[in-house]
Structures are given as C-alpha cells and as structure tokens.
Amino acid sequence: MTSIIRVRALLPTITRLKFSSRSGTASQCDWSGEGSGSVTVSEDNQARCSHVRFHEEGHFALAGQSQELAFRNVYRWELEEDRLRLFHERRGREAAVWLFDLVEAQDGNGLVAAEAHLCGEDRYTARLEINADGFTLDWRIQGPRKDESIAYHYFVS
C-alpha cells in the first residue's frame, strides 16, 4: 500500500497531537518549546476531492518557561489522487493559506513536500512519516531571520 493511501486512511482517526519547535543557530525568533493538544476531525466530500480538517487546540510552553499559552489551529488536508495538499485556515475557509503539497517520497518511506512553500523570503518544506501510533510531520522553515524545525506527532485514538 502506498504511503499516500495509508495517510488518507489515518487522517480521520487522529485524536491528539504533540509537537516541539526548535530554533536553529541562525534564528532570530527563538521560539523553541513543547506543545500538546487534541484534534477534532471533520470531513467534506466534494466532486473533485475530499477534505479532512484538523481542528487543533491545546497548550504550548516556550523552553524555560512555566506559563503555557493556549493555541488553536485549523489545518485542511485536501485528498487528491497523487498528493495531499495542506492548508492553514487561520483566517477561515475562504482565506486558507496553502502550505505545501505532499507527494510520495522517492525512497518510498512517507511523503515529502513536492516543492518548497515561499512566504516572503522564508522557505517552508516538510516530510511526513507513518508510524505505529499515527504519523509525524516534520517542518523546516528557513529564511533571513528564521531557522526553525517543528516536529508534529499526530496520534490515533
């Protein structure tokens, strides 16, 4: 079974997440920390493709800080024949921000961004790998002020 088919089957079963962000040496942002939360999944089926939305909420704490910050996100996964398209709906469905298209990795292990997403001078890439309890989505953000890695782990129930 290809990775894309396996991820499509996993998406509706995800219920929680953990993530860590790490700022590299070239970063001027310094937002290393840990977060965790719940995921509520909703699905829309349309003629061309189907959509799975992750409604995420939880808490994030910067490294060395005891105070946690609440977060909320909505990510839309568009399921197409040869790819998964990922959007961030922070400004609503109609103003969703495209992040990247994930396609089968050449090594056959998971999915990778088909091309980098450019946001100003920042370059976003990602790799998704399936594991026994869900999947990981590792982001890399590089730019004049950014040198960030974000490791998401999504868990099935």
Foldseek 3Di string as FASTA:
>chain_A
DAQLVVQVVQLQQWWKKKKFKDFDPLAPPQQTWIWIWTWHWDKDQDDQWIKIKTWTWTWIDGPPDPDIDIDTWIWIWTRHDFWTWIWTQPVHDVPIHTAFIWGQDPVRFFTWGPAWDDDPFKTKIWTWGADDFGIKIWIAIDGNNGGMIMIMDTGGD
